Amino acid sequence: MGTKGHLIATRFFSSTNASSYDRIVKLTTLFRDSSWKKQMMKLMDGKNKRILDLACGTGILSSFIHDRSASSKIIGTDLTFEYLKLAKNRQSYALLTNSLAEFLPYKDESFDVIISSYLVKYAQLSTMVREHWRVLRKGGIIIVHDFTYPDTKIMRILWHFYFQILTELGRVISSWRYVFSNLDKLIQLNPWVNNLVSELDMVGFTSISKKYYTCGTSAIVYAKK
């Protein structure tokens, strides 16, 4: 069953913008995306055998995972079929599936790592975290990354100015118009970091940590089963 977050995601990501996604991510994060993904990789030990790349999109994260843990078996899943077709071209995945983050088509205790970038703001957290617990093996870890609304006044001023620029850019790049006009509101109204930490703790995850990056505009949450 879809949620409001899923409906937003289907409007954000579609066949009309799949081919330009990689370039847009680089440009709109001011080339910080790769830096954040490298920070995610530092939380892996390089020996993880089965890794779920959740909301894998076009597969950008898979190359970072492969560099960190070349012997791993990477499984990717995403809501948007057109993005999965592009992920398949990267040839990093042992398997790709089309599914929701809250309802995964995998057996219990299937993975050593669940990792995701730019997913959590769309997800129904309580259901997703329970599903994480189900498909993770004992000792398995989750690594979650997404945008966050900064705390400081100066960064919020810069944040709003930047999204004004993106909104104007959306008038030129029509396939990203809806995203550029609505992403800032989604991030502002979604305090996902603390909500996710709370859900992880309630389900039984341990070693939970959160860390902010790039002046509070991005965060990574880690937890262990």
C-alpha atoms as a PDB file:
ATOM      1  CA  MET A   1       0.000   0.000   0.000  1.00  0.00           C
ATOM      2  CA  GLY A   2       1.396   3.387  -0.976  1.00  0.00           C
ATOM      3  CA  THR A   3       1.926   6.262   1.429  1.00  0.00           C
ATOM      4  CA  LYS A   4       2.199   9.997   0.872  1.00  0.00           C
ATOM      5  CA  GLY A   5       5.970   9.579   0.710  1.00  0.00           C
ATOM      6  CA  HIS A   6       5.683   6.953  -1.994  1.00  0.00           C
ATOM      7  CA  LEU A   7       3.403   9.186  -4.039  1.00  0.00           C
ATOM      8  CA  ILE A   8       5.890  12.033  -3.793  1.00  0.00           C
ATOM      9  CA  ALA A   9       8.725   9.710  -4.836  1.00  0.00           C
ATOM     10  CA  THR A  10       6.822   8.552  -7.908  1.00  0.00           C
ATOM     11  CA  ARG A  11       6.357  12.180  -8.943  1.00  0.00           C
ATOM     12  CA  PHE A  12       9.986  13.031  -8.240  1.00  0.00           C
ATOM     13  CA  PHE A  13      11.501  10.087 -10.117  1.00  0.00           C
ATOM     14  CA  SER A  14      10.161   8.854 -13.433  1.00  0.00           C
ATOM     15  CA  SER A  15      11.052   7.924 -17.001  1.00  0.00           C
ATOM     16  CA  THR A  16      11.293  11.614 -17.871  1.00  0.00           C
ATOM     17  CA  ASN A  17      14.288  12.326 -15.625  1.00  0.00           C
ATOM     18  CA  ALA A  18      15.978   8.951 -15.118  1.00  0.00           C
ATOM     19  CA  SER A  19      18.619   9.510 -17.804  1.00  0.00           C
ATOM     20  CA  SER A  20      19.713  12.843 -16.311  1.00  0.00           C
ATOM     21  CA  TYR A  21      19.672  11.795 -12.652  1.00  0.00           C
ATOM     22  CA  ASP A  22      23.417  11.167 -12.249  1.00  0.00           C
ATOM     23  CA  ARG A  23      24.353  14.571 -13.639  1.00  0.00           C
ATOM     24  CA  ILE A  24      21.672  16.349 -11.624  1.00  0.00           C
ATOM     25  CA  VAL A  25      22.839  14.749  -8.356  1.00  0.00           C
ATOM     26  CA  LYS A  26      26.407  15.893  -8.939  1.00  0.00           C
ATOM     27  CA  LEU A  27      25.458  19.430  -9.901  1.00  0.00           C
ATOM     28  CA  THR A  28      22.718  20.105  -7.363  1.00  0.00           C
ATOM     29  CA  THR A  29      24.769  18.806  -4.416  1.00  0.00           C
ATOM     30  CA  LEU A  30      27.654  20.973  -5.624  1.00  0.00           C
ATOM     31  CA  PHE A  31      29.651  17.759  -6.100  1.00  0.00           C
ATOM     32  CA  ARG A  32      29.279  16.794  -2.427  1.00  0.00           C
ATOM     33  CA  ASP A  33      27.354  13.611  -3.182  1.00  0.00           C
ATOM     34  CA  SER A  34      30.495  11.527  -3.712  1.00  0.00           C
ATOM     35  CA  SER A  35      31.985  12.860  -0.470  1.00  0.00           C
ATOM     36  CA  TRP A  36      28.913  11.795   1.506  1.00  0.00           C
ATOM     37  CA  LYS A  37      28.948   8.352  -0.079  1.00  0.00           C
ATOM     38  CA  LYS A  38      32.625   7.933   0.817  1.00  0.00           C
ATOM     39  CA  GLN A  39      31.721   8.707   4.431  1.00  0.00           C
ATOM     40  CA  MET A  40      29.092   5.960   4.257  1.00  0.00           C
ATOM     41  CA  MET A  41      31.710   3.498   3.034  1.00  0.00           C
ATOM     42  CA  LYS A  42      33.887   4.195   6.061  1.00  0.00           C
ATOM     43  CA  LEU A  43      31.189   2.588   8.206  1.00  0.00           C
ATOM     44  CA  MET A  44      31.603  -0.724   6.369  1.00  0.00           C
ATOM     45  CA  ASP A  45      34.411  -3.127   7.261  1.00  0.00           C
ATOM     46  CA  GLY A  46      35.042  -4.236   3.673  1.00  0.00           C
ATOM     47  CA  LYS A  47      34.268  -7.861   4.505  1.00  0.00           C
ATOM     48  CA  ASN A  48      30.483  -7.745   4.244  1.00  0.00           C
ATOM     49  CA  LYS A  49      29.267 -10.501   1.944  1.00  0.00           C
ATOM     50  CA  ARG A  50      25.660  -9.594   1.128  1.00  0.00           C
ATOM     51  CA  ILE A  51      24.711  -5.939   0.787  1.00  0.00           C
ATOM     52  CA  LEU A  52      21.288  -4.477   0.031  1.00  0.00           C
ATOM     53  CA  ASP A  53      21.443  -1.157  -1.806  1.00  0.00           C
ATOM     54  CA  LEU A  54      18.013   0.131  -0.852  1.00  0.00           C
ATOM     55  CA  ALA A  55      16.421   2.665  -3.213  1.00  0.00           C
ATOM     56  CA  CYS A  56      19.409   2.092  -5.462  1.00  0.00           C
ATOM     57  CA  GLY A  57      18.133   4.410  -8.201  1.00  0.00           C
ATOM     58  CA  THR A  58      20.492   4.376 -11.180  1.00  0.00           C
ATOM     59  CA  GLY A  59      23.124   2.562  -9.136  1.00  0.00           C
ATOM     60  CA  ILE A  60      25.521   5.368  -8.235  1.00  0.00           C
ATOM     61  CA  LEU A  61      26.203   3.917  -4.799  1.00  0.00           C
ATOM     62  CA  SER A  62      27.111   0.485  -6.188  1.00  0.00           C
ATOM     63  CA  SER A  63      30.484   1.655  -7.536  1.00  0.00           C
ATOM     64  CA  PHE A  64      31.437   2.979  -4.102  1.00  0.00           C
ATOM     65  CA  ILE A  65      30.372  -0.290  -2.488  1.00  0.00           C
ATOM     66  CA  HIS A  66      32.346  -2.312  -5.026  1.00  0.00           C
ATOM     67  CA  ASP A  67      35.478  -0.255  -4.389  1.00  0.00           C
ATOM     68  CA  ARG A  68      35.107  -0.787  -0.645  1.00  0.00           C
ATOM     69  CA  SER A  69      34.163  -4.466  -0.744  1.00  0.00           C
ATOM     70  CA  ALA A  70      34.892  -6.005  -4.135  1.00  0.00           C
ATOM     71  CA  SER A  71      33.961  -9.536  -3.085  1.00  0.00           C
ATOM     72  CA  SER A  72      30.502  -8.553  -1.846  1.00  0.00           C
ATOM     73  CA  LYS A  73      27.265  -9.605  -3.488  1.00  0.00           C
ATOM     74  CA  ILE A  74      25.260  -6.416  -4.058  1.00  0.00           C
ATOM     75  CA  ILE A  75      21.486  -6.585  -4.355  1.00  0.00           C
ATOM     76  CA  GLY A  76      19.674  -3.450  -5.502  1.00  0.00           C
ATOM     77  CA  THR A  77      16.024  -2.522  -5.175  1.00  0.00           C
ATOM     78  CA  ASP A  78      14.091   0.582  -6.140  1.00  0.00           C
ATOM     79  CA  LEU A  79      10.558   1.896  -6.550  1.00  0.00           C
ATOM     80  CA  THR A  80      11.081   3.265 -10.070  1.00  0.00           C
ATOM     81  CA  PHE A  81      11.497   0.746 -12.882  1.00  0.00           C
ATOM     82  CA  GLU A  82      13.112   3.210 -15.309  1.00  0.00           C
ATOM     83  CA  TYR A  83      15.900   3.869 -12.810  1.00  0.00           C
ATOM     84  CA  LEU A  84      16.471   0.143 -12.348  1.00  0.00           C
ATOM     85  CA  LYS A  85      17.035  -0.282 -16.065  1.00  0.00           C
ATOM     86  CA  LEU A  86      19.903   2.200 -15.829  1.00  0.00           C
ATOM     87  CA  ALA A  87      21.271   0.524 -12.690  1.00  0.00           C
ATOM     88  CA  LYS A  88      21.445  -2.746 -14.619  1.00  0.00           C
ATOM     89  CA  ASN A  89      23.928  -1.175 -17.046  1.00  0.00           C
ATOM     90  CA  ARG A  90      26.462  -0.688 -14.252  1.00  0.00           C
ATOM     91  CA  GLN A  91      26.885  -4.474 -13.935  1.00  0.00           C
ATOM     92  CA  SER A  92      27.684  -4.162 -10.221  1.00  0.00           C
ATOM     93  CA  TYR A  93      24.548  -5.923  -9.034  1.00  0.00           C
ATOM     94  CA  ALA A  94      23.959  -9.621  -8.579  1.00  0.00           C
ATOM     95  CA  LEU A  95      20.218  -8.930  -8.602  1.00  0.00           C
ATOM     96  CA  LEU A  96      17.861  -5.991  -9.048  1.00  0.00           C
ATOM     97  CA  THR A  97      14.260  -5.908  -7.830  1.00  0.00           C
ATOM     98  CA  ASN A  98      11.364  -3.465  -8.006  1.00  0.00           C
ATOM     99  CA  SER A  99       9.940  -2.959  -4.502  1.00  0.00           C
ATOM    100  CA  LEU A 100       9.076  -0.623  -1.652  1.00  0.00           C
ATOM    101  CA  ALA A 101      11.536  -0.114   1.190  1.00  0.00           C
ATOM    102  CA  GLU A 102       8.849  -1.129   3.690  1.00  0.00           C
ATOM    103  CA  PHE A 103       8.016  -4.446   1.999  1.00  0.00           C
ATOM    104  CA  LEU A 104      11.108  -6.236   0.753  1.00  0.00           C
ATOM    105  CA  PRO A 105      10.941  -9.444  -1.331  1.00  0.00           C
ATOM    106  CA  TYR A 106      13.724 -11.182   0.587  1.00  0.00           C
ATOM    107  CA  LYS A 107      13.961 -13.950   3.154  1.00  0.00           C
ATOM    108  CA  ASP A 108      14.630 -13.331   6.834  1.00  0.00           C
ATOM    109  CA  GLU A 109      18.281 -12.674   7.720  1.00  0.00           C
ATOM    110  CA  SER A 110      19.407 -12.292   4.103  1.00  0.00           C
ATOM    111  CA  PHE A 111      21.872  -9.397   4.403  1.00  0.00           C
ATOM    112  CA  ASP A 112      24.961  -8.218   6.273  1.00  0.00           C
ATOM    113  CA  VAL A 113      24.409  -4.577   5.322  1.00  0.00           C
ATOM    114  CA  ILE A 114      21.457  -2.430   4.319  1.00  0.00           C
ATOM    115  CA  ILE A 115      22.572   0.877   2.884  1.00  0.00           C
ATOM    116  CA  SER A 116      20.560   3.715   1.380  1.00  0.00           C
ATOM    117  CA  SER A 117      20.986   7.273   0.188  1.00  0.00           C
ATOM    118  CA  TYR A 118      18.183   9.813  -0.347  1.00  0.00           C
ATOM    119  CA  LEU A 119      15.464   7.338   0.634  1.00  0.00           C
ATOM    120  CA  VAL A 120      14.463   7.878   4.226  1.00  0.00           C
ATOM    121  CA  LYS A 121      12.551  11.156   3.804  1.00  0.00           C
ATOM    122  CA  TYR A 122       9.989   9.288   1.686  1.00  0.00           C
ATOM    123  CA  ALA A 123       9.677   6.211   3.902  1.00  0.00           C
ATOM    124  CA  GLN A 124       7.230   5.111   6.569  1.00  0.00           C
ATOM    125  CA  LEU A 125       9.924   4.737   9.208  1.00  0.00           C
ATOM    126  CA  SER A 126       8.347   2.350  11.703  1.00  0.00           C
ATOM    127  CA  THR A 127       7.470  -0.184   8.998  1.00  0.00           C
ATOM    128  CA  MET A 128      10.796   0.216   7.218  1.00  0.00           C
ATOM    129  CA  VAL A 129      12.858  -0.285  10.366  1.00  0.00           C
ATOM    130  CA  ARG A 130      10.985  -3.467  11.271  1.00  0.00           C
ATOM    131  CA  GLU A 131      11.623  -4.737   7.753  1.00  0.00           C
ATOM    132  CA  HIS A 132      15.311  -3.882   8.134  1.00  0.00           C
ATOM    133  CA  TRP A 133      15.386  -5.928  11.324  1.00  0.00           C
ATOM    134  CA  ARG A 134      13.744  -8.861   9.578  1.00  0.00           C
ATOM    135  CA  VAL A 135      16.084  -9.124   6.589  1.00  0.00           C
ATOM    136  CA  LEU A 136      19.327  -8.331   8.450  1.00  0.00           C
ATOM    137  CA  ARG A 137      21.487 -11.074   9.874  1.00  0.00           C
ATOM    138  CA  LYS A 138      22.594 -10.939  13.501  1.00  0.00           C
ATOM    139  CA  GLY A 139      25.424  -8.432  13.697  1.00  0.00           C
ATOM    140  CA  GLY A 140      24.325  -6.797  10.454  1.00  0.00           C
ATOM    141  CA  ILE A 141      24.363  -3.029  10.050  1.00  0.00           C
ATOM    142  CA  ILE A 142      22.323  -0.301   8.416  1.00  0.00           C
ATOM    143  CA  ILE A 143      23.756   2.910   6.966  1.00  0.00           C
ATOM    144  CA  VAL A 144      21.264   5.607   6.011  1.00  0.00           C
ATOM    145  CA  HIS A 145      22.011   8.957   4.387  1.00  0.00           C
ATOM    146  CA  ASP A 146      19.806  11.861   3.348  1.00  0.00           C
ATOM    147  CA  PHE A 147      19.465  15.640   3.284  1.00  0.00           C
ATOM    148  CA  THR A 148      18.688  17.567   6.478  1.00  0.00           C
ATOM    149  CA  TYR A 149      17.462  21.061   7.199  1.00  0.00           C
ATOM    150  CA  PRO A 150      20.350  23.013   8.821  1.00  0.00           C
ATOM    151  CA  ASP A 151      20.057  24.446  12.339  1.00  0.00           C
ATOM    152  CA  THR A 152      21.946  27.715  12.048  1.00  0.00           C
ATOM    153  CA  LYS A 153      20.385  30.961  10.834  1.00  0.00           C
ATOM    154  CA  ILE A 154      23.064  31.713   8.254  1.00  0.00           C
ATOM    155  CA  MET A 155      22.839  28.236   6.720  1.00  0.00           C
ATOM    156  CA  ARG A 156      19.046  28.462   6.545  1.00  0.00           C
ATOM    157  CA  ILE A 157      19.327  31.758   4.686  1.00  0.00           C
ATOM    158  CA  LEU A 158      21.760  30.173   2.236  1.00  0.00           C
ATOM    159  CA  TRP A 159      19.559  27.072   2.018  1.00  0.00           C
ATOM    160  CA  HIS A 160      16.467  29.061   0.986  1.00  0.00           C
ATOM    161  CA  PHE A 161      18.462  31.166  -1.455  1.00  0.00           C
ATOM    162  CA  TYR A 162      19.854  28.034  -3.081  1.00  0.00           C
ATOM    163  CA  PHE A 163      16.421  26.475  -3.479  1.00  0.00           C
ATOM    164  CA  GLN A 164      15.175  29.676  -5.070  1.00  0.00           C
ATOM    165  CA  ILE A 165      17.895  29.156  -7.666  1.00  0.00           C
ATOM    166  CA  LEU A 166      16.812  25.532  -8.152  1.00  0.00           C
ATOM    167  CA  THR A 167      13.204  26.598  -8.594  1.00  0.00           C
ATOM    168  CA  GLU A 168      14.246  28.956 -11.377  1.00  0.00           C
ATOM    169  CA  LEU A 169      16.389  26.210 -12.894  1.00  0.00           C
ATOM    170  CA  GLY A 170      13.325  23.977 -12.939  1.00  0.00           C
ATOM    171  CA  ARG A 171      11.688  26.402 -15.349  1.00  0.00           C
ATOM    172  CA  VAL A 172      14.421  25.485 -17.815  1.00  0.00           C
ATOM    173  CA  ILE A 173      14.788  21.771 -17.017  1.00  0.00           C
ATOM    174  CA  SER A 174      11.149  20.734 -17.118  1.00  0.00           C
ATOM    175  CA  SER A 175      11.745  17.105 -16.112  1.00  0.00           C
ATOM    176  CA  TRP A 176      13.061  18.308 -12.736  1.00  0.00           C
ATOM    177  CA  ARG A 177      10.642  21.218 -12.229  1.00  0.00           C
ATOM    178  CA  TYR A 178       8.440  19.447  -9.675  1.00  0.00           C
ATOM    179  CA  VAL A 179      11.434  18.190  -7.686  1.00  0.00           C
ATOM    180  CA  PHE A 180      13.176  21.552  -7.555  1.00  0.00           C
ATOM    181  CA  SER A 181       9.948  23.259  -6.479  1.00  0.00           C
ATOM    182  CA  ASN A 182       9.057  20.827  -3.688  1.00  0.00           C
ATOM    183  CA  LEU A 183      12.193  19.155  -2.342  1.00  0.00           C
ATOM    184  CA  ASP A 184      13.016  21.933   0.120  1.00  0.00           C
ATOM    185  CA  LYS A 185       9.599  21.715   1.775  1.00  0.00           C
ATOM    186  CA  LEU A 186       9.869  17.948   2.066  1.00  0.00           C
ATOM    187  CA  ILE A 187      13.230  18.197   3.821  1.00  0.00           C
ATOM    188  CA  GLN A 188      12.185  21.047   6.129  1.00  0.00           C
ATOM    189  CA  LEU A 189       9.067  19.247   7.348  1.00  0.00           C
ATOM    190  CA  ASN A 190      10.753  15.870   7.878  1.00  0.00           C
ATOM    191  CA  PRO A 191      12.945  15.570  11.005  1.00  0.00           C
ATOM    192  CA  TRP A 192      13.919  12.088   9.895  1.00  0.00           C
ATOM    193  CA  VAL A 193      17.207  11.796  11.801  1.00  0.00           C
ATOM    194  CA  ASN A 194      15.781  11.836  15.322  1.00  0.00           C
ATOM    195  CA  ASN A 195      12.680   9.923  14.242  1.00  0.00           C
ATOM    196  CA  LEU A 196      14.802   7.194  12.688  1.00  0.00           C
ATOM    197  CA  VAL A 197      17.079   6.957  15.719  1.00  0.00           C
ATOM    198  CA  SER A 198      14.009   6.564  17.927  1.00  0.00           C
ATOM    199  CA  GLU A 199      12.530   3.817  15.733  1.00  0.00           C
ATOM    200  CA  LEU A 200      15.829   1.942  15.585  1.00  0.00           C
ATOM    201  CA  ASP A 201      16.134   2.034  19.354  1.00  0.00           C
ATOM    202  CA  MET A 202      12.579   0.800  19.890  1.00  0.00           C
ATOM    203  CA  VAL A 203      13.043  -2.182  17.575  1.00  0.00           C
ATOM    204  CA  GLY A 204      16.261  -3.228  19.311  1.00  0.00           C
ATOM    205  CA  PHE A 205      19.138  -1.925  17.192  1.00  0.00           C
ATOM    206  CA  THR A 206      22.337  -1.031  19.053  1.00  0.00           C
ATOM    207  CA  SER A 207      25.438   1.111  18.471  1.00  0.00           C
ATOM    208  CA  ILE A 208      23.152   3.767  16.981  1.00  0.00           C
ATOM    209  CA  SER A 209      24.936   6.911  15.841  1.00  0.00           C
ATOM    210  CA  LYS A 210      24.154  10.013  13.823  1.00  0.00           C
ATOM    211  CA  LYS A 211      26.513  12.496  12.245  1.00  0.00           C
ATOM    212  CA  TYR A 212      25.869  15.664  10.258  1.00  0.00           C
ATOM    213  CA  TYR A 213      27.873  16.884   7.271  1.00  0.00           C
ATOM    214  CA  THR A 214      28.315  19.987   5.110  1.00  0.00           C
ATOM    215  CA  CYS A 215      27.115  22.510   7.698  1.00  0.00           C
ATOM    216  CA  GLY A 216      24.144  20.418   8.726  1.00  0.00           C
ATOM    217  CA  THR A 217      22.648  19.897   5.272  1.00  0.00           C
ATOM    218  CA  SER A 218      23.213  16.149   5.229  1.00  0.00           C
ATOM    219  CA  ALA A 219      23.334  13.334   7.782  1.00  0.00           C
ATOM    220  CA  ILE A 220      24.265   9.684   8.131  1.00  0.00           C
ATOM    221  CA  VAL A 221      22.691   7.320  10.647  1.00  0.00           C
ATOM    222  CA  TYR A 222      24.295   3.989  11.566  1.00  0.00           C
ATOM    223  CA  ALA A 223      22.956   1.090  13.614  1.00  0.00           C
ATOM    224  CA  LYS A 224      23.740  -2.562  14.320  1.00  0.00           C
ATOM    225  CA  LYS A 225      21.417  -5.512  14.852  1.00  0.00           C
END
